[in-house]
Amino acid sequence: MRWIHAAGRGLLVLVVVLTGYVASGARTDQAGGSGRGPLTLATAGDLTGYLGSVLEGWNRTHPGEKVTLVELPDSADETRAQMITDLRGGERGRFDVLNIDVSWTSEFAAAGWIRPLPRDRFPLDTFLPPVVATATYDDRLYAVPYVTNAGLLLYRADVLAEAGVPPPRTWAELERAAKTVAPAYGLDGYAGQFLPYEGLTVNAAEAVYSAGGTILGDEGERVTVNSRAARKGIGFLARGVSEGWIPQEALAYKEEESKQAFQDGRLLFLRNWPYAYVAASASGSRVAGRVGAVPLPGPDGPGTSVLGGSNLAVSSHARHPDSAARLIAYLTSERVQRQVLTRGALPPVRADVYADPALIRRFPYLPTLRESVLAAAPRPKSPHYDQVSLVVQAVVHDAMTGRQTPEAAVRRLAGELAAVSAR
């Protein structure tokens, strides 16, 4: 009987030990510390076609951890919808690593769709400081910055030089040149991305931030938009349309349509991302060799861009989380970050890339872009970001089309965002 009891106690200990081992393994796996094997990386459409070649380098050196690239639609809204459908599928989901818009990090983290990551596995101290904030939620790292972005003001350098007008640093200088210089040369004045979609949220946030305002605070728990600064920023955009120095056509522009208008020689000024500078300066562009770029203007000097770009996150149901973390470290390494710029024409997150003289000669806008990124601010953080963005788009578009005054639009924004935050 003593032998049976002893055996029973031994079996119990063995069960407890094994249970603890399995649980510990599960916890380690969830933290990204174990589990290697093949991966699937989901991203929005790769417009420049560079990512496939970057991943070939990984696949050659990691034959047991090969990555399959899944390209989703170019539209950010459609990409987000497809990612969420997959993430909600639980263990049946296809995607292990997600290349997500920086504005989605808070939403995906709050929903439990992506797993927290250990900071010490990634060289965060080598990144441009503002980009790291886009990858955190509730003081934890839920993604790793991969590509950053900041809006620039592109301008026709030849036209301004001939007119004897310097590139604008303030809204007043921009308005004056858009009203007087542009029509004298048969051009429209100024455009951004003003169709009611994510691009309009970005343009509206930049106008509010540049005027010294904010939209949300405390991770989306507090609405801060009801301010003089917000009325001034939205009024700037609405006034442009009503006075005609923002053309009516721009109300239907997304990134590509606005880039094409500038590239075809129809605009004096364009707010867009750096890739538009590269395209407008390339061979075949009607304005090649005649393009300049400066930081976005504000009321009294340089304004504030919204921090764009994308972060790499690991699905909560990733099959091989350690391989996923290793892939993210590879994609954020200095060598690959240089390829992000040279092959993809996308702004890297590594600070040292912006100081390379050879790269500056090839990409003259890099110092301006670095200045813009360092002064940029993230979009409003909220676990309900999709609803926040929809509200901003709708209300600001109504102000720009004259359906509401800027004052009424800001009051409406405050009320509708408060309703979203209370959910």
Protein backbone atom coordinates (compact mmCIF):
# COMPACT_ATOMS: atom_id res chain seq x y z
CA MET A 1 0.00 0.00 0.00
CA ARG A 2 2.90 2.33 0.82
CA TRP A 3 4.34 1.52 -2.63
CA ILE A 4 1.00 2.32 -4.28
CA HIS A 5 0.69 5.61 -2.39
CA ALA A 6 4.28 6.50 -3.25
CA ALA A 7 3.65 5.68 -6.91
CA GLY A 8 0.49 7.72 -6.82
CA ARG A 9 2.32 10.68 -5.34
CA GLY A 10 5.05 10.27 -7.98
CA LEU A 11 2.48 10.18 -10.76
CA LEU A 12 0.81 13.28 -9.33
CA VAL A 13 4.15 15.09 -9.23
CA LEU A 14 4.87 14.01 -12.79
CA VAL A 15 1.48 15.29 -13.95
CA VAL A 16 2.04 18.61 -12.17
CA VAL A 17 5.51 18.96 -13.66
CA LEU A 18 4.32 18.13 -17.16
CA THR A 19 1.35 20.47 -16.81
CA GLY A 20 3.66 23.24 -15.66
CA TYR A 21 6.02 22.51 -18.54
CA VAL A 22 3.23 22.69 -21.12
CA ALA A 23 1.80 25.86 -19.60
CA SER A 24 5.26 27.41 -19.46
CA GLY A 25 5.78 26.45 -23.09
CA ALA A 26 2.48 28.02 -24.03
CA ARG A 27 3.40 31.22 -22.20
CA THR A 28 6.83 31.29 -23.85
CA ASP A 29 5.25 30.62 -27.21
CA GLN A 30 2.78 33.44 -26.68
CA ALA A 31 5.60 35.84 -25.83
CA GLY A 32 7.31 34.99 -29.08
CA GLY A 33 10.09 32.88 -27.53
CA SER A 34 9.53 29.51 -29.26
CA GLY A 35 7.93 27.98 -32.27
CA ARG A 36 9.74 28.00 -35.62
CA GLY A 37 8.43 27.09 -39.04
CA PRO A 38 6.95 28.53 -42.23
CA LEU A 39 5.05 31.81 -42.17
CA THR A 40 2.51 33.82 -44.11
CA LEU A 41 2.99 37.59 -44.34
CA ALA A 42 -0.07 39.66 -45.24
CA THR A 43 0.32 43.17 -46.61
CA ALA A 44 -1.49 45.71 -48.72
CA GLY A 45 -0.66 45.63 -52.42
CA ASP A 46 3.07 46.14 -53.04
CA LEU A 47 2.87 48.95 -55.60
CA THR A 48 6.62 49.00 -56.32
CA GLY A 49 7.11 45.22 -56.30
CA TYR A 50 10.13 45.29 -53.99
CA LEU A 51 8.93 43.14 -51.10
CA GLY A 52 9.05 39.84 -52.96
CA SER A 53 12.78 40.20 -53.64
CA VAL A 54 13.43 41.21 -50.02
CA LEU A 55 11.67 38.07 -48.80
CA GLU A 56 13.65 35.92 -51.26
CA GLY A 57 16.75 36.83 -49.25
CA TRP A 58 15.10 35.53 -46.08
CA ASN A 59 13.84 32.36 -47.74
CA ARG A 60 17.30 31.50 -49.11
CA THR A 61 18.88 31.67 -45.66
CA HIS A 62 15.94 30.28 -43.67
CA PRO A 63 14.76 27.21 -45.62
CA GLY A 64 12.80 25.87 -42.64
CA GLU A 65 11.03 29.19 -42.05
CA LYS A 66 10.00 30.21 -45.55
CA VAL A 67 7.61 33.11 -45.92
CA THR A 68 4.64 33.18 -48.26
CA LEU A 69 3.62 36.71 -49.23
CA VAL A 70 -0.11 37.46 -49.49
CA GLU A 71 -0.89 40.78 -51.13
CA LEU A 72 -4.28 42.23 -50.22
CA PRO A 73 -6.00 45.11 -52.08
CA ASP A 74 -4.28 48.50 -52.49
CA SER A 75 -7.13 50.19 -50.61
CA ALA A 76 -6.32 50.54 -46.90
CA ASP A 77 -9.98 50.05 -45.95
CA GLU A 78 -10.25 46.79 -47.92
CA THR A 79 -6.93 45.51 -46.57
CA ARG A 80 -8.02 46.20 -43.00
CA ALA A 81 -11.36 44.43 -43.57
CA GLN A 82 -9.68 41.29 -44.95
CA MET A 83 -7.13 41.20 -42.14
CA ILE A 84 -9.84 41.50 -39.48
CA THR A 85 -11.86 38.70 -41.12
CA ASP A 86 -8.79 36.47 -40.93
CA LEU A 87 -7.91 37.47 -37.37
CA ARG A 88 -11.43 36.75 -36.19
CA GLY A 89 -11.10 33.26 -37.66
CA GLY A 90 -8.98 32.20 -34.71
CA GLU A 91 -6.70 29.23 -35.25
CA ARG A 92 -8.15 28.81 -38.74
CA GLY A 93 -6.61 32.13 -39.81
CA ARG A 94 -4.02 32.14 -42.59
CA PHE A 95 -1.89 35.12 -41.56
CA ASP A 96 1.03 34.94 -39.14
CA VAL A 97 2.68 38.33 -39.64
CA LEU A 98 0.68 41.42 -40.57
CA ASN A 99 2.00 44.59 -42.18
CA ILE A 100 -0.56 46.97 -40.68
CA ASP A 101 -1.16 50.68 -41.03
CA VAL A 102 0.23 52.49 -38.00
CA SER A 103 -3.25 53.70 -37.08
CA TRP A 104 -4.54 50.13 -36.63
CA THR A 105 -2.13 49.10 -33.87
CA SER A 106 -4.29 50.29 -30.97
CA GLU A 107 -7.46 48.77 -32.42
CA PHE A 108 -5.89 45.38 -33.15
CA ALA A 109 -4.16 45.27 -29.74
CA ALA A 110 -7.29 46.21 -27.80
CA ALA A 111 -9.24 43.50 -29.62
CA GLY A 112 -6.63 40.86 -28.74
CA TRP A 113 -5.88 40.11 -32.39
CA ILE A 114 -2.12 40.71 -32.15
CA ARG A 115 0.25 39.61 -29.42
CA PRO A 116 2.53 41.80 -27.29
CA LEU A 117 6.21 41.63 -28.24
CA PRO A 118 9.37 41.74 -26.09
CA ARG A 119 11.13 45.07 -26.63
CA ASP A 120 14.61 43.60 -26.20
CA ARG A 121 14.30 41.54 -29.39
CA PHE A 122 14.24 44.62 -31.62
CA PRO A 123 16.66 47.56 -32.08
CA LEU A 124 14.10 50.23 -31.17
CA ASP A 125 16.80 52.68 -30.06
CA THR A 126 18.09 52.86 -33.66
CA PHE A 127 14.71 54.04 -35.01
CA LEU A 128 13.54 57.61 -35.50
CA PRO A 129 12.01 58.32 -32.05
CA PRO A 130 8.42 59.24 -33.04
CA VAL A 131 7.81 56.01 -34.94
CA VAL A 132 8.07 53.78 -31.87
CA ALA A 133 5.00 55.41 -30.31
CA THR A 134 2.86 54.17 -33.22
CA ALA A 135 3.64 50.56 -32.25
CA THR A 136 2.54 50.73 -28.62
CA TYR A 137 -0.77 50.44 -26.85
CA ASP A 138 -1.39 50.72 -23.12
CA ASP A 139 2.41 51.10 -22.61
CA ARG A 140 3.17 47.75 -24.26
CA LEU A 141 4.85 47.00 -27.58
CA TYR A 142 2.38 45.28 -29.91
CA ALA A 143 4.18 45.78 -33.22
CA VAL A 144 7.51 46.93 -34.64
CA PRO A 145 7.81 49.95 -36.96
CA TYR A 146 8.73 48.88 -40.48
CA VAL A 147 8.07 51.86 -42.75
CA THR A 148 7.45 55.42 -41.66
CA ASN A 149 6.02 58.35 -43.59
CA ALA A 150 5.32 62.02 -43.28
CA GLY A 151 3.45 64.34 -45.57
CA LEU A 152 5.46 66.78 -47.69
CA LEU A 153 4.44 69.81 -49.70
CA LEU A 154 5.53 69.24 -53.29
CA TYR A 155 5.78 72.30 -55.49
CA ARG A 156 6.70 73.32 -59.01
CA ALA A 157 10.18 74.68 -58.45
CA ASP A 158 10.42 76.11 -61.96
CA VAL A 159 7.18 78.09 -61.64
CA LEU A 160 8.01 79.56 -58.23
CA ALA A 161 11.53 80.47 -59.40
CA GLU A 162 10.21 82.24 -62.50
CA ALA A 163 7.61 84.08 -60.39
CA GLY A 164 10.24 85.05 -57.82
CA VAL A 165 8.27 83.41 -54.99
CA PRO A 166 9.98 81.23 -52.35
CA PRO A 167 8.45 77.90 -51.30
CA PRO A 168 5.73 78.58 -48.71
CA ARG A 169 6.37 78.13 -45.01
CA THR A 170 2.97 79.34 -43.81
CA TRP A 171 -0.65 78.89 -44.80
CA ALA A 172 -0.86 82.55 -45.82
CA GLU A 173 2.09 82.17 -48.22
CA LEU A 174 0.58 79.00 -49.65
CA GLU A 175 -2.83 80.63 -50.16
CA ARG A 176 -1.32 83.73 -51.77
CA ALA A 177 0.72 81.75 -54.30
CA ALA A 178 -2.16 79.34 -54.98
CA LYS A 179 -4.47 82.30 -55.69
CA THR A 180 -2.09 84.42 -57.79
CA VAL A 181 0.84 82.45 -59.19
CA ALA A 182 -1.04 79.25 -60.07
CA PRO A 183 -3.68 80.81 -62.37
CA ALA A 184 -1.04 82.99 -64.04
CA TYR A 185 0.64 79.79 -65.21
CA GLY A 186 -2.56 77.91 -66.04
CA LEU A 187 -2.37 75.70 -62.94
CA ASP A 188 -4.67 74.75 -60.10
CA GLY A 189 -3.43 75.95 -56.73
CA TYR A 190 -3.33 73.25 -54.09
CA ALA A 191 -4.59 69.72 -53.53
CA GLY A 192 -4.35 66.93 -51.02
CA GLN A 193 -6.37 63.75 -50.55
CA PHE A 194 -9.90 65.00 -49.97
CA LEU A 195 -12.17 62.10 -50.95
CA PRO A 196 -14.01 60.82 -47.85
CA TYR A 197 -11.64 57.95 -46.95
CA GLU A 198 -8.61 57.52 -44.70
CA GLY A 199 -6.64 60.10 -46.67
CA LEU A 200 -9.08 62.84 -45.70
CA THR A 201 -8.72 61.86 -42.04
CA VAL A 202 -4.98 62.35 -42.43
CA ASN A 203 -5.31 65.73 -44.18
CA ALA A 204 -7.82 66.95 -41.59
CA ALA A 205 -5.68 65.80 -38.66
CA GLU A 206 -2.66 67.58 -40.15
CA ALA A 207 -4.63 70.83 -40.43
CA VAL A 208 -5.82 70.55 -36.82
CA TYR A 209 -2.36 69.57 -35.50
CA SER A 210 -0.65 72.33 -37.48
CA ALA A 211 -2.96 74.89 -35.86
CA GLY A 212 -1.96 73.56 -32.43
CA GLY A 213 -4.97 71.35 -31.75
CA THR A 214 -5.66 67.68 -31.13
CA ILE A 215 -8.58 65.33 -31.79
CA LEU A 216 -8.45 62.70 -29.03
CA GLY A 217 -6.43 62.19 -25.87
CA ASP A 218 -5.76 59.41 -23.38
CA GLU A 219 -5.78 56.54 -25.89
CA GLY A 220 -9.12 57.70 -27.27
CA GLU A 221 -10.89 58.07 -23.93
CA ARG A 222 -11.07 61.89 -24.06
CA VAL A 223 -12.35 64.07 -26.93
CA THR A 224 -10.23 67.20 -27.39
CA VAL A 225 -11.32 68.43 -30.82
CA ASN A 226 -13.70 71.18 -29.71
CA SER A 227 -11.12 73.96 -29.86
CA ARG A 228 -10.21 77.18 -31.62
CA ALA A 229 -7.29 75.34 -33.26
CA ALA A 230 -9.59 72.71 -34.78
CA ARG A 231 -11.92 75.40 -36.15
CA LYS A 232 -8.92 77.16 -37.66
CA GLY A 233 -7.52 74.00 -39.26
CA ILE A 234 -10.81 72.82 -40.76
CA GLY A 235 -11.54 76.40 -41.79
CA PHE A 236 -8.29 76.48 -43.77
CA LEU A 237 -9.40 73.49 -45.86
CA ALA A 238 -12.98 74.70 -46.28
CA ARG A 239 -11.83 78.18 -47.30
CA GLY A 240 -9.56 76.70 -49.97
CA VAL A 241 -12.50 75.05 -51.72
CA SER A 242 -14.89 77.99 -51.35
CA GLU A 243 -12.31 80.46 -52.67
CA GLY A 244 -11.21 78.17 -55.50
CA TRP A 245 -7.51 77.72 -54.78
CA ILE A 246 -8.36 74.11 -53.93
CA PRO A 247 -10.05 72.82 -57.11
CA GLN A 248 -13.38 71.00 -56.91
CA GLU A 249 -11.73 67.97 -58.54
CA ALA A 250 -9.57 67.54 -55.44
CA LEU A 251 -12.66 66.53 -53.44
CA ALA A 252 -12.44 63.21 -55.29
CA TYR A 253 -8.65 62.76 -54.98
CA LYS A 254 -6.93 59.88 -53.21
CA GLU A 255 -3.13 59.49 -53.20
CA GLU A 256 -2.83 58.23 -56.76
CA GLU A 257 -5.24 60.72 -58.36
CA SER A 258 -3.57 63.67 -56.64
CA LYS A 259 -0.10 62.41 -57.57
CA GLN A 260 -1.15 62.05 -61.19
CA ALA A 261 -2.58 65.56 -61.29
CA PHE A 262 0.73 66.99 -60.06
CA GLN A 263 2.79 64.68 -62.26
CA ASP A 264 0.77 65.74 -65.31
CA GLY A 265 1.58 69.39 -64.63
CA ARG A 266 -1.86 70.52 -63.42
CA LEU A 267 -1.01 71.63 -59.87
CA LEU A 268 1.31 74.18 -58.31
CA PHE A 269 1.24 72.58 -54.84
CA LEU A 270 0.46 69.07 -53.62
CA ARG A 271 0.36 67.52 -50.17
CA ASN A 272 1.38 63.88 -50.52
CA TRP A 273 3.76 61.21 -49.26
CA PRO A 274 7.40 61.03 -50.44
CA TYR A 275 6.66 58.35 -53.03
CA ALA A 276 4.86 61.04 -55.03
CA TYR A 277 8.08 63.08 -55.14
CA VAL A 278 9.93 60.05 -56.50
CA ALA A 279 7.26 59.43 -59.17
CA ALA A 280 7.04 63.09 -60.19
CA SER A 281 10.83 63.28 -60.52
CA ALA A 282 11.19 60.07 -62.53
CA SER A 283 11.80 59.80 -66.24
CA GLY A 284 8.52 60.11 -68.13
CA SER A 285 6.96 62.55 -65.69
CA ARG A 286 5.97 65.85 -67.29
CA VAL A 287 7.48 67.73 -64.36
CA ALA A 288 10.68 65.70 -63.93
CA GLY A 289 13.54 67.94 -62.82
CA ARG A 290 11.16 70.72 -61.82
CA VAL A 291 9.93 69.46 -58.44
CA GLY A 292 10.77 70.66 -54.94
CA ALA A 293 9.64 69.56 -51.50
CA VAL A 294 9.35 71.32 -48.13
CA PRO A 295 7.67 70.46 -44.82
CA LEU A 296 3.95 71.09 -44.69
CA PRO A 297 3.21 74.74 -43.83
CA GLY A 298 1.21 75.84 -40.81
CA PRO A 299 -0.38 79.08 -39.63
CA ASP A 300 2.88 80.66 -38.45
CA GLY A 301 5.61 78.43 -39.86
CA PRO A 302 6.20 74.74 -40.60
CA GLY A 303 3.14 72.66 -39.71
CA THR A 304 2.72 69.15 -38.35
CA SER A 305 2.39 66.08 -40.51
CA VAL A 306 0.54 62.97 -39.51
CA LEU A 307 2.96 60.12 -38.98
CA GLY A 308 2.20 57.51 -41.62
CA GLY A 309 3.73 54.18 -42.47
CA SER A 310 3.21 50.62 -41.34
CA ASN A 311 4.08 48.33 -38.45
CA LEU A 312 4.75 44.61 -38.38
CA ALA A 313 2.61 42.65 -35.94
CA VAL A 314 2.27 38.99 -35.02
CA SER A 315 -1.18 37.42 -35.06
CA SER A 316 -2.38 36.07 -31.73
CA HIS A 317 -2.88 32.75 -33.51
CA ALA A 318 0.46 32.69 -35.36
CA ARG A 319 1.62 29.14 -35.91
CA HIS A 320 5.31 29.91 -35.35
CA PRO A 321 5.66 33.05 -33.24
CA ASP A 322 9.43 32.79 -32.79
CA SER A 323 9.96 32.68 -36.54
CA ALA A 324 7.55 35.60 -36.84
CA ALA A 325 9.66 37.66 -34.42
CA ARG A 326 12.85 36.66 -36.25
CA LEU A 327 11.33 37.73 -39.57
CA ILE A 328 10.37 41.11 -38.11
CA ALA A 329 13.93 41.59 -36.82
CA TYR A 330 15.22 40.78 -40.32
CA LEU A 331 12.85 43.22 -42.04
CA THR A 332 13.87 46.01 -39.65
CA SER A 333 17.60 45.34 -39.98
CA GLU A 334 19.75 48.11 -41.46
CA ARG A 335 20.45 46.17 -44.67
CA VAL A 336 16.78 45.55 -45.43
CA GLN A 337 15.79 49.05 -44.36
CA ARG A 338 18.11 50.41 -47.04
CA GLN A 339 16.32 48.21 -49.57
CA VAL A 340 12.98 49.56 -48.36
CA LEU A 341 14.21 52.97 -49.53
CA THR A 342 16.24 52.06 -52.63
CA ARG A 343 13.93 49.39 -54.03
CA GLY A 344 10.57 50.39 -52.60
CA ALA A 345 10.95 54.20 -52.50
CA LEU A 346 9.48 54.00 -49.00
CA PRO A 347 10.79 55.90 -45.95
CA PRO A 348 12.72 53.59 -43.61
CA VAL A 349 12.47 53.71 -39.81
CA ARG A 350 16.23 53.49 -39.17
CA ALA A 351 17.65 56.91 -38.28
CA ASP A 352 21.12 56.33 -39.72
CA VAL A 353 19.78 55.81 -43.25
CA TYR A 354 18.76 59.48 -43.35
CA ALA A 355 22.36 60.60 -42.73
CA ASP A 356 23.99 58.62 -45.54
CA PRO A 357 25.49 61.11 -48.07
CA ALA A 358 25.18 58.65 -50.97
CA LEU A 359 21.49 58.10 -50.27
CA ILE A 360 20.88 61.83 -49.88
CA ARG A 361 22.40 62.42 -53.32
CA ARG A 362 20.05 59.81 -54.75
CA PHE A 363 17.01 60.90 -52.70
CA PRO A 364 17.40 64.67 -52.15
CA TYR A 365 14.22 64.91 -50.09
CA LEU A 366 15.62 62.75 -47.24
CA PRO A 367 16.72 65.64 -44.95
CA THR A 368 13.30 67.31 -45.40
CA LEU A 369 11.54 64.01 -44.74
CA ARG A 370 13.59 63.39 -41.60
CA GLU A 371 12.66 66.86 -40.35
CA SER A 372 8.99 66.16 -41.08
CA VAL A 373 9.01 62.74 -39.38
CA LEU A 374 10.67 64.10 -36.24
CA ALA A 375 7.99 66.80 -35.98
CA ALA A 376 5.10 64.51 -36.94
CA ALA A 377 2.29 63.27 -34.71
CA PRO A 378 0.37 59.96 -34.87
CA ARG A 379 -3.27 59.77 -35.82
CA PRO A 380 -5.68 59.70 -32.88
CA LYS A 381 -5.15 56.52 -30.88
CA SER A 382 -8.35 54.65 -30.16
CA PRO A 383 -9.54 51.04 -29.91
CA HIS A 384 -12.40 52.26 -32.14
CA TYR A 385 -10.15 53.94 -34.66
CA ASP A 386 -12.15 52.83 -37.70
CA GLN A 387 -15.24 54.59 -36.36
CA VAL A 388 -13.22 57.66 -35.36
CA SER A 389 -11.85 57.92 -38.89
CA LEU A 390 -15.28 57.53 -40.48
CA VAL A 391 -16.64 60.36 -38.33
CA VAL A 392 -13.74 62.68 -39.20
CA GLN A 393 -14.07 61.93 -42.92
CA ALA A 394 -17.79 62.59 -43.04
CA VAL A 395 -17.78 65.77 -40.99
CA VAL A 396 -14.75 67.40 -42.63
CA HIS A 397 -16.04 66.55 -46.10
CA ASP A 398 -19.31 68.30 -45.24
CA ALA A 399 -17.33 71.36 -44.15
CA MET A 400 -15.24 71.36 -47.34
CA THR A 401 -18.29 71.06 -49.58
CA GLY A 402 -20.04 73.91 -47.75
CA ARG A 403 -22.77 71.81 -46.13
CA GLN A 404 -21.62 72.97 -42.69
CA THR A 405 -19.58 75.86 -41.38
CA PRO A 406 -16.23 74.94 -39.77
CA GLU A 407 -17.66 75.99 -36.40
CA ALA A 408 -20.67 73.71 -36.75
CA ALA A 409 -18.48 70.92 -38.08
CA VAL A 410 -16.22 71.03 -35.02
CA ARG A 411 -19.19 70.93 -32.64
CA ARG A 412 -20.59 67.96 -34.55
CA LEU A 413 -17.19 66.25 -34.49
CA ALA A 414 -16.97 66.62 -30.73
CA GLY A 415 -20.42 65.14 -30.21
CA GLU A 416 -20.02 62.19 -32.56
CA LEU A 417 -16.52 61.33 -31.31
CA ALA A 418 -17.80 61.40 -27.73
CA ALA A 419 -20.45 58.85 -28.71
CA VAL A 420 -17.78 56.64 -30.31
CA SER A 421 -15.47 56.87 -27.29
CA ALA A 422 -18.30 55.88 -24.92
CA ARG A 423 -18.84 52.53 -26.63
